[in-house]
């Protein structure tokens, strides 16, 4: 077990164990059981959206879920097969992530129309997963799709934590921040979510389309100023008038017949990964899932913690790191960037893995990367320009060159980042 390749294999296996624990097949029976207590005598309609929408909808029907009508909004690029493996009466729409496209706008309008047709005798079941903010994207009056795309790109490059990004997104959206639930009124709305948000705040998952929102337009304006984000003029003008863009607050009477249940989240994945590491003889220290630091700062935090620990210890953490991009010539993502930060620090006898559980880290269909001590020197010896990769935020190409990228394909689940760092050999 002391050999480096064995440690790297353990890291991969632990990450895979974390993924399996938050797959739809694991949690869907609980949803079906819960719904059975709520929907007696009413017509059920299903709306699934996000990166996990197809898998959640497949598991819903496979476990006996029923729906008079159904709309599933998922990312482009999943294998189509026979209606994407869903019953023939299910309508499928695909759209783009992380930056919305024209089909994102069409999907948002379709979701609002789907909800708007419902009455007091209906129940709307929503299966929500991360990515819904981009997959359903329609601006309020005066904010075009091009403006929404420009805003999204600016927010992604700002280094702003996801919860703060969502405050801004909600206030320029026709569907986010509780507006989908408003469209469904007076139908009951029961939402079940796969959380990709540190802390699992319901109003932050996919920007909370079925949840009340107590953030304000004033808060959105303050965030834009604090992070010095350049936004389209239509967005700036809209945010100046709260009467046009304020979202429904949590105590809005029209949201009184809604419920929200989180069915899987990062702590479940972290514990499953930790159990695999424990089986190999490591003591695990669970650091939680609320890290939202810049990747460079996060690497400093982890190195400081590791320096004070004995060999045979593993640090397990989640969250959603950010990257403040100052030179956008490379191809990277927050997990690969964190891994490259660790490579640059080159802590003795430390190796690790950092991956996005949706299988797509930033701008490339790569989940993340593995790293180990001595990697920087090995890369230089192999002719990789490590400094250029680091300066140009070209982390994905660095790990591809080192055959240390982690490729899973789209996992159709999403509980954010999963990081495992091993120090020394296990204590058996």
Protein backbone atom coordinates (compact mmCIF):
# COMPACT_ATOMS: atom_id res chain seq x y z
CA UNK A 1 0.00 0.00 0.00
CA UNK A 2 2.99 2.30 0.34
CA UNK A 3 3.46 2.51 -3.41
CA UNK A 4 2.24 5.68 -4.99
CA UNK A 5 0.15 3.95 -7.63
CA UNK A 6 -1.76 2.08 -4.92
CA UNK A 7 -2.58 5.35 -3.18
CA UNK A 8 -3.77 6.88 -6.44
CA UNK A 9 -5.93 3.81 -7.09
CA UNK A 10 -7.41 4.17 -3.60
CA UNK A 11 -8.22 7.81 -4.30
CA UNK A 12 -10.05 6.88 -7.49
CA UNK A 13 -12.00 4.11 -5.75
CA UNK A 14 -12.96 6.39 -2.88
CA UNK A 15 -14.21 9.06 -5.29
CA UNK A 16 -16.26 6.42 -7.15
CA UNK A 17 -17.76 5.24 -3.84
CA UNK A 18 -18.80 8.81 -3.10
CA UNK A 19 -20.47 9.07 -6.49
CA UNK A 20 -22.40 5.82 -6.09
CA UNK A 21 -23.84 6.99 -2.78
CA UNK A 22 -25.64 9.95 -4.40
CA UNK A 23 -26.99 8.29 -7.52
CA UNK A 24 -30.74 8.54 -8.11
CA UNK A 25 -31.32 4.81 -7.64
CA UNK A 26 -30.12 5.20 -4.05
CA UNK A 27 -32.54 7.91 -2.94
CA UNK A 28 -35.58 7.60 -5.22
CA UNK A 29 -37.44 4.94 -3.18
CA UNK A 30 -37.61 7.48 -0.32
CA UNK A 31 -39.20 10.04 -2.66
CA UNK A 32 -41.85 7.62 -3.89
CA UNK A 33 -42.68 6.61 -0.33
CA UNK A 34 -42.95 10.23 0.77
CA UNK A 35 -45.16 11.19 -2.16
CA UNK A 36 -47.56 8.37 -1.45
CA UNK A 37 -48.53 10.18 1.74
CA UNK A 38 -49.23 13.49 -0.01
CA UNK A 39 -50.90 12.98 -3.38
CA UNK A 40 -54.03 10.94 -2.66
CA UNK A 41 -56.88 11.93 -4.96
CA UNK A 42 -54.91 14.45 -6.99
CA UNK A 43 -53.40 14.40 -10.46
CA UNK A 44 -49.62 14.33 -10.45
CA UNK A 45 -47.44 16.16 -12.96
CA UNK A 46 -43.66 15.73 -13.05
CA UNK A 47 -41.07 18.39 -13.87
CA UNK A 48 -37.40 17.39 -13.63
CA UNK A 49 -34.54 19.76 -14.40
CA UNK A 50 -30.80 19.94 -13.84
CA UNK A 51 -27.76 17.81 -14.51
CA UNK A 52 -29.40 14.86 -12.78
CA UNK A 53 -32.84 15.31 -14.39
CA UNK A 54 -32.80 12.28 -16.68
CA UNK A 55 -31.44 9.87 -14.06
CA UNK A 56 -33.87 11.17 -11.44
CA UNK A 57 -36.83 10.86 -13.83
CA UNK A 58 -35.75 7.36 -14.90
CA UNK A 59 -35.52 6.27 -11.27
CA UNK A 60 -38.87 7.94 -10.48
CA UNK A 61 -40.73 5.86 -13.03
CA UNK A 62 -38.67 2.71 -12.39
CA UNK A 63 -39.71 2.86 -8.72
CA UNK A 64 -43.41 3.15 -9.45
CA UNK A 65 -43.83 6.92 -9.70
CA UNK A 66 -46.79 8.13 -11.75
CA UNK A 67 -47.43 11.32 -13.72
CA UNK A 68 -50.29 12.48 -15.94
CA UNK A 69 -47.79 14.64 -17.78
CA UNK A 70 -44.05 15.10 -17.51
CA UNK A 71 -41.34 17.48 -18.70
CA UNK A 72 -37.65 16.71 -18.29
CA UNK A 73 -35.01 19.38 -18.94
CA UNK A 74 -31.46 18.03 -19.15
CA UNK A 75 -28.04 19.00 -20.53
CA UNK A 76 -27.15 18.53 -24.18
CA UNK A 77 -25.09 15.49 -25.10
CA UNK A 78 -26.61 12.62 -23.12
CA UNK A 79 -27.22 9.41 -25.12
CA UNK A 80 -30.70 9.71 -26.59
CA UNK A 81 -31.73 6.08 -27.07
CA UNK A 82 -35.50 5.53 -26.99
CA UNK A 83 -36.77 8.86 -25.59
CA UNK A 84 -33.70 8.97 -23.34
CA UNK A 85 -34.90 5.83 -21.55
CA UNK A 86 -38.08 7.53 -20.34
CA UNK A 87 -41.76 6.69 -20.97
CA UNK A 88 -43.09 7.87 -24.31
CA UNK A 89 -45.43 10.48 -22.80
CA UNK A 90 -42.50 12.35 -21.20
CA UNK A 91 -41.47 15.49 -23.06
CA UNK A 92 -37.70 15.97 -23.27
CA UNK A 93 -35.87 19.25 -23.70
CA UNK A 94 -32.10 19.74 -23.70
CA UNK A 95 -30.15 22.92 -23.03
CA UNK A 96 -26.67 24.21 -22.29
CA UNK A 97 -24.55 24.39 -19.14
CA UNK A 98 -22.78 26.30 -17.62
CA UNK A 99 -23.61 29.14 -20.02
CA UNK A 100 -27.26 29.13 -21.23
CA UNK A 101 -28.22 28.98 -24.90
CA UNK A 102 -31.39 29.58 -26.90
CA UNK A 103 -32.75 26.21 -25.81
CA UNK A 104 -32.28 27.22 -22.18
CA UNK A 105 -34.66 30.10 -22.80
CA UNK A 106 -37.14 27.82 -24.56
CA UNK A 107 -36.91 25.33 -21.68
CA UNK A 108 -37.61 28.01 -19.08
CA UNK A 109 -40.64 29.22 -20.98
CA UNK A 110 -41.86 25.62 -21.38
CA UNK A 111 -41.46 24.99 -17.65
CA UNK A 112 -43.44 28.13 -16.78
CA UNK A 113 -46.20 27.14 -19.22
CA UNK A 114 -46.20 23.59 -17.82
CA UNK A 115 -46.71 24.96 -14.30
CA UNK A 116 -49.20 27.64 -15.31
CA UNK A 117 -51.71 25.09 -16.68
CA UNK A 118 -52.18 23.47 -13.26
CA UNK A 119 -55.06 24.03 -10.87
CA UNK A 120 -56.02 23.36 -7.26
CA UNK A 121 -56.71 19.66 -8.01
CA UNK A 122 -53.14 19.12 -9.27
CA UNK A 123 -49.80 18.30 -7.68
CA UNK A 124 -46.55 19.38 -9.30
CA UNK A 125 -43.63 17.16 -8.37
CA UNK A 126 -40.29 18.75 -9.18
CA UNK A 127 -37.04 16.78 -9.23
CA UNK A 128 -34.28 19.37 -8.94
CA UNK A 129 -30.53 19.11 -9.38
CA UNK A 130 -27.71 21.54 -9.86
CA UNK A 131 -27.32 23.10 -13.29
CA UNK A 132 -30.95 24.13 -13.45
CA UNK A 133 -29.93 27.79 -13.36
CA UNK A 134 -28.39 27.47 -16.79
CA UNK A 135 -30.70 24.85 -18.27
CA UNK A 136 -33.75 27.04 -17.56
CA UNK A 137 -32.77 30.61 -18.28
CA UNK A 138 -35.22 33.32 -19.26
CA UNK A 139 -34.76 36.95 -18.35
CA UNK A 140 -37.33 39.34 -16.99
CA UNK A 141 -38.60 42.02 -19.36
CA UNK A 142 -35.78 43.87 -21.07
CA UNK A 143 -33.07 41.28 -20.29
CA UNK A 144 -32.26 39.29 -23.42
CA UNK A 145 -30.69 35.86 -23.61
CA UNK A 146 -27.48 37.48 -24.80
CA UNK A 147 -27.55 39.68 -21.70
CA UNK A 148 -28.13 36.62 -19.48
CA UNK A 149 -25.21 34.80 -21.09
CA UNK A 150 -22.93 37.80 -20.67
CA UNK A 151 -23.97 38.09 -17.03
CA UNK A 152 -23.38 34.39 -16.39
CA UNK A 153 -19.93 34.45 -17.97
CA UNK A 154 -18.98 37.51 -15.92
CA UNK A 155 -20.19 35.89 -12.70
CA UNK A 156 -18.30 32.65 -13.40
CA UNK A 157 -15.08 34.59 -13.91
CA UNK A 158 -15.55 36.82 -10.88
CA UNK A 159 -14.56 34.38 -8.14
CA UNK A 160 -17.94 34.96 -6.48
CA UNK A 161 -19.32 32.06 -4.38
CA UNK A 162 -22.28 30.28 -5.94
CA UNK A 163 -24.81 31.48 -3.35
CA UNK A 164 -23.93 35.08 -4.11
CA UNK A 165 -24.07 34.49 -7.86
CA UNK A 166 -27.57 33.11 -7.39
CA UNK A 167 -28.79 36.27 -5.63
CA UNK A 168 -28.02 38.20 -8.80
CA UNK A 169 -29.36 35.51 -11.13
CA UNK A 170 -32.68 35.31 -9.31
CA UNK A 171 -33.39 39.00 -9.63
CA UNK A 172 -33.08 39.04 -13.41
CA UNK A 173 -34.86 35.72 -14.04
CA UNK A 174 -38.45 34.93 -14.96
CA UNK A 175 -38.23 31.42 -13.44
CA UNK A 176 -35.77 31.45 -10.54
CA UNK A 177 -36.26 32.65 -6.96
CA UNK A 178 -39.71 31.09 -6.47
CA UNK A 179 -41.24 32.29 -9.72
CA UNK A 180 -41.83 28.74 -11.02
CA UNK A 181 -43.86 27.92 -7.88
CA UNK A 182 -45.84 31.13 -8.34
CA UNK A 183 -46.69 30.03 -11.87
CA UNK A 184 -48.01 26.70 -10.51
CA UNK A 185 -50.30 28.30 -7.90
CA UNK A 186 -52.87 27.13 -6.74
CA UNK A 187 -51.45 23.64 -7.34
CA UNK A 188 -49.45 21.99 -4.56
CA UNK A 189 -45.73 21.89 -5.36
CA UNK A 190 -43.54 19.18 -3.82
CA UNK A 191 -39.85 19.55 -4.64
CA UNK A 192 -37.14 16.94 -4.14
CA UNK A 193 -33.59 18.11 -4.62
CA UNK A 194 -30.14 16.72 -5.15
CA UNK A 195 -28.12 19.46 -3.49
CA UNK A 196 -24.98 20.89 -5.07
CA UNK A 197 -24.84 23.83 -2.68
CA UNK A 198 -22.59 24.06 0.39
CA UNK A 199 -24.90 24.00 3.40
CA UNK A 200 -27.85 22.73 1.30
CA UNK A 201 -29.89 25.95 1.34
CA UNK A 202 -33.02 25.08 -0.70
CA UNK A 203 -33.30 28.56 -2.22
CA UNK A 204 -29.79 28.25 -3.66
CA UNK A 205 -30.17 24.90 -5.47
CA UNK A 206 -30.72 25.71 -9.17
CA UNK A 207 -31.37 29.25 -7.90
CA UNK A 208 -34.50 28.15 -6.04
CA UNK A 209 -37.27 28.19 -8.68
CA UNK A 210 -39.78 26.66 -6.25
CA UNK A 211 -38.59 28.40 -3.05
CA UNK A 212 -39.28 31.80 -1.61
CA UNK A 213 -36.32 34.13 -1.61
CA UNK A 214 -35.55 36.69 1.07
CA UNK A 215 -32.60 38.22 -0.75
CA UNK A 216 -33.20 41.61 -2.35
CA UNK A 217 -32.37 43.62 -5.43
CA UNK A 218 -30.29 45.88 -3.20
CA UNK A 219 -28.16 42.88 -2.20
CA UNK A 220 -27.67 41.98 -5.86
CA UNK A 221 -26.47 45.50 -6.65
CA UNK A 222 -24.06 45.46 -3.70
CA UNK A 223 -22.50 42.15 -4.85
CA UNK A 224 -21.94 43.49 -8.36
CA UNK A 225 -20.15 46.50 -6.90
CA UNK A 226 -18.12 44.50 -4.38
CA UNK A 227 -16.78 42.03 -6.96
CA UNK A 228 -16.47 44.71 -9.65
CA UNK A 229 -18.54 42.68 -12.12
CA UNK A 230 -19.30 44.34 -15.43
CA UNK A 231 -22.94 43.59 -16.23
CA UNK A 232 -25.09 44.41 -19.29
CA UNK A 233 -26.87 47.76 -19.11
CA UNK A 234 -30.27 46.02 -19.15
CA UNK A 235 -29.34 44.09 -15.99
CA UNK A 236 -28.07 47.21 -14.23
CA UNK A 237 -31.27 49.09 -15.11
CA UNK A 238 -33.55 46.26 -13.99
CA UNK A 239 -31.83 45.91 -10.61
CA UNK A 240 -32.40 49.61 -9.93
CA UNK A 241 -36.18 49.04 -9.80
CA UNK A 242 -37.16 46.54 -7.10
CA UNK A 243 -40.81 46.68 -8.17
CA UNK A 244 -39.82 44.99 -11.43
CA UNK A 245 -37.35 42.39 -10.15
CA UNK A 246 -38.00 41.57 -6.49
CA UNK A 247 -38.55 37.85 -5.93
CA UNK A 248 -41.41 36.45 -3.79
CA UNK A 249 -40.38 36.28 -0.14
CA UNK A 250 -40.55 33.06 1.85
CA UNK A 251 -43.75 34.08 3.63
CA UNK A 252 -45.65 34.77 0.39
CA UNK A 253 -49.15 33.25 0.74
CA UNK A 254 -48.96 31.76 -2.75
CA UNK A 255 -46.04 29.59 -1.62
CA UNK A 256 -47.87 28.17 1.40
CA UNK A 257 -48.75 24.91 -0.38
CA UNK A 258 -45.16 24.11 -1.38
CA UNK A 259 -42.72 21.70 0.26
CA UNK A 260 -39.02 21.09 -0.29
CA UNK A 261 -37.01 17.97 0.61
CA UNK A 262 -33.29 17.43 0.08
CA UNK A 263 -32.77 13.78 -0.82
CA UNK A 264 -29.01 13.65 -1.34
CA UNK A 265 -26.15 16.01 -0.65
CA UNK A 266 -22.41 16.30 -0.25
CA UNK A 267 -22.14 14.86 3.30
CA UNK A 268 -23.50 11.53 2.01
CA UNK A 269 -20.85 11.38 -0.72
CA UNK A 270 -18.09 12.50 1.64
CA UNK A 271 -18.94 9.81 4.19
CA UNK A 272 -19.04 7.07 1.53
CA UNK A 273 -15.61 8.15 0.25
CA UNK A 274 -14.28 8.34 3.80
CA UNK A 275 -15.44 4.81 4.55
CA UNK A 276 -13.45 3.49 1.59
CA UNK A 277 -10.35 5.33 2.83
CA UNK A 278 -10.83 4.00 6.36
CA UNK A 279 -11.02 0.46 5.03
CA UNK A 280 -7.54 1.00 3.57
CA UNK A 281 -6.14 1.95 6.99
CA UNK A 282 -6.27 5.75 7.04
CA UNK A 283 -7.71 7.84 9.84
CA UNK A 284 -10.14 10.30 8.29
CA UNK A 285 -10.75 13.91 9.27
CA UNK A 286 -14.04 15.25 7.90
CA UNK A 287 -13.73 18.95 7.10
CA UNK A 288 -17.28 19.42 5.83
CA UNK A 289 -18.74 20.67 2.57
CA UNK A 290 -18.80 24.44 3.01
CA UNK A 291 -15.48 25.43 1.43
CA UNK A 292 -16.02 28.17 -1.13
CA UNK A 293 -12.54 29.69 -1.11
CA UNK A 294 -10.51 30.61 -4.14
CA UNK A 295 -8.58 27.51 -5.27
CA UNK A 296 -5.25 29.08 -4.30
CA UNK A 297 -6.46 30.03 -0.83
CA UNK A 298 -8.01 26.60 -0.40
CA UNK A 299 -4.68 24.95 -1.20
CA UNK A 300 -3.02 27.09 1.47
CA UNK A 301 -5.68 26.04 3.98
CA UNK A 302 -5.21 22.35 3.22
CA UNK A 303 -1.43 22.56 3.32
CA UNK A 304 -1.55 24.27 6.70
CA UNK A 305 -3.80 21.53 8.07
CA UNK A 306 -1.67 18.74 6.61
CA UNK A 307 1.54 20.20 8.04
CA UNK A 308 0.26 19.69 11.58
CA UNK A 309 -0.94 16.11 11.06
CA UNK A 310 0.89 12.79 11.40
CA UNK A 311 1.19 10.25 8.61
CA UNK A 312 -1.74 7.93 8.03
CA UNK A 313 -4.36 10.69 7.96
CA UNK A 314 -6.81 11.61 5.19
CA UNK A 315 -8.59 14.96 4.85
CA UNK A 316 -12.06 14.72 3.28
CA UNK A 317 -13.86 17.86 2.15
CA UNK A 318 -16.42 19.25 -0.24
CA UNK A 319 -17.94 22.56 -1.22
CA UNK A 320 -17.46 24.64 -4.33
CA UNK A 321 -14.14 26.37 -4.73
CA UNK A 322 -13.86 29.38 -7.00
CA UNK A 323 -11.18 30.60 -9.37
CA UNK A 324 -10.48 34.26 -9.99
CA UNK A 325 -9.26 34.10 -13.58
CA UNK A 326 -6.74 36.79 -14.52
CA UNK A 327 -5.45 35.23 -17.74
CA UNK A 328 -8.07 33.23 -19.59
CA UNK A 329 -5.88 31.68 -22.28
CA UNK A 330 -5.93 28.18 -20.75
CA UNK A 331 -8.56 25.53 -20.17
CA UNK A 332 -9.37 24.70 -16.57
CA UNK A 333 -11.86 24.22 -13.78
CA UNK A 334 -11.93 24.79 -10.06
CA UNK A 335 -10.99 21.22 -9.13
CA UNK A 336 -8.13 20.92 -11.58
CA UNK A 337 -6.95 24.38 -10.52
CA UNK A 338 -6.93 23.33 -6.86
CA UNK A 339 -4.99 20.20 -7.79
CA UNK A 340 -2.47 22.30 -9.73
CA UNK A 341 -2.12 24.63 -6.74
CA UNK A 342 -1.22 21.57 -4.67
CA UNK A 343 1.29 20.47 -7.30
CA UNK A 344 2.97 23.86 -7.11
CA UNK A 345 3.22 23.61 -3.32
CA UNK A 346 4.63 20.04 -3.58
CA UNK A 347 4.08 18.91 0.00
CA UNK A 348 6.21 15.85 0.85
CA UNK A 349 4.38 12.52 0.92
CA UNK A 350 0.98 14.04 0.13
CA UNK A 351 -1.28 12.95 -2.69
CA UNK A 352 -4.91 13.63 -3.45
CA UNK A 353 -7.86 13.86 -5.76
CA UNK A 354 -10.17 16.80 -6.42
CA UNK A 355 -13.21 16.26 -8.63
CA UNK A 356 -16.62 17.66 -9.43
CA UNK A 357 -19.24 15.00 -8.82
CA UNK A 358 -21.12 15.90 -12.00
CA UNK A 359 -18.12 14.76 -14.05
CA UNK A 360 -17.55 18.15 -15.65
CA UNK A 361 -15.03 20.50 -14.08
CA UNK A 362 -15.26 23.94 -15.62
CA UNK A 363 -14.58 24.13 -19.34
CA UNK A 364 -13.83 20.49 -20.12
CA UNK A 365 -15.55 17.12 -19.82
CA UNK A 366 -13.13 16.06 -17.12
CA UNK A 367 -14.20 15.53 -13.52
CA UNK A 368 -10.95 16.77 -12.01
CA UNK A 369 -7.47 15.47 -11.30
CA UNK A 370 -5.10 13.44 -9.16
CA UNK A 371 -1.89 14.92 -7.77
CA UNK A 372 1.11 13.69 -5.79
CA UNK A 373 4.38 14.93 -4.36
CA UNK A 374 7.13 15.20 -6.92
CA UNK A 375 4.65 15.75 -9.75
CA UNK A 376 6.02 19.19 -10.59
CA UNK A 377 9.56 17.86 -11.03
CA UNK A 378 8.30 14.90 -13.05
CA UNK A 379 6.31 17.19 -15.34
CA UNK A 380 9.32 19.41 -15.94
CA UNK A 381 11.45 16.37 -16.70
CA UNK A 382 8.80 15.23 -19.20
CA UNK A 383 8.93 18.59 -20.99
CA UNK A 384 5.70 20.06 -19.62
CA UNK A 385 5.90 23.82 -19.11
CA UNK A 386 4.48 23.84 -15.59
CA UNK A 387 4.86 27.59 -15.10
CA UNK A 388 3.00 28.37 -18.32
CA UNK A 389 0.16 26.01 -17.38
CA UNK A 390 -0.12 27.65 -13.98
CA UNK A 391 0.13 31.25 -15.21
CA UNK A 392 -2.41 30.64 -18.00
CA UNK A 393 -4.91 28.74 -15.80
CA UNK A 394 -4.36 25.78 -18.10
CA UNK A 395 -4.84 23.10 -15.45
CA UNK A 396 -6.76 20.60 -17.56
CA UNK A 397 -4.03 20.42 -20.18
CA UNK A 398 -1.41 19.99 -17.45
CA UNK A 399 -3.13 16.96 -15.93
CA UNK A 400 -3.96 15.54 -19.34
CA UNK A 401 -0.25 15.69 -20.19
CA UNK A 402 0.53 13.91 -16.91
CA UNK A 403 -2.16 11.25 -17.45
CA UNK A 404 -3.62 12.31 -14.11
CA UNK A 405 -6.97 13.70 -15.24
CA UNK A 406 -10.07 11.93 -13.95
CA UNK A 407 -12.64 11.22 -16.66
CA UNK A 408 -16.04 9.84 -15.70
CA UNK A 409 -18.30 11.28 -18.36
CA UNK A 410 -21.50 13.00 -17.25
CA UNK A 411 -22.43 11.27 -13.99
CA UNK A 412 -26.01 12.61 -13.90
CA UNK A 413 -25.64 13.42 -10.24
CA UNK A 414 -24.20 16.53 -8.63
CA UNK A 415 -23.30 17.28 -5.02
CA UNK A 416 -20.43 19.59 -5.86
CA UNK A 417 -16.74 18.97 -5.24
CA UNK A 418 -15.18 16.00 -3.50
CA UNK A 419 -11.59 16.28 -2.27
CA UNK A 420 -9.52 13.58 -0.60
CA UNK A 421 -5.96 14.26 0.55
CA UNK A 422 -3.75 11.47 1.93
CA UNK A 423 -0.68 12.07 4.07
CA UNK A 424 1.89 9.30 4.26
CA UNK A 425 1.12 5.60 4.35
CA UNK A 426 -1.91 4.10 6.07
CA UNK A 427 -1.68 2.90 9.65
CA UNK A 428 -2.94 -0.66 9.40
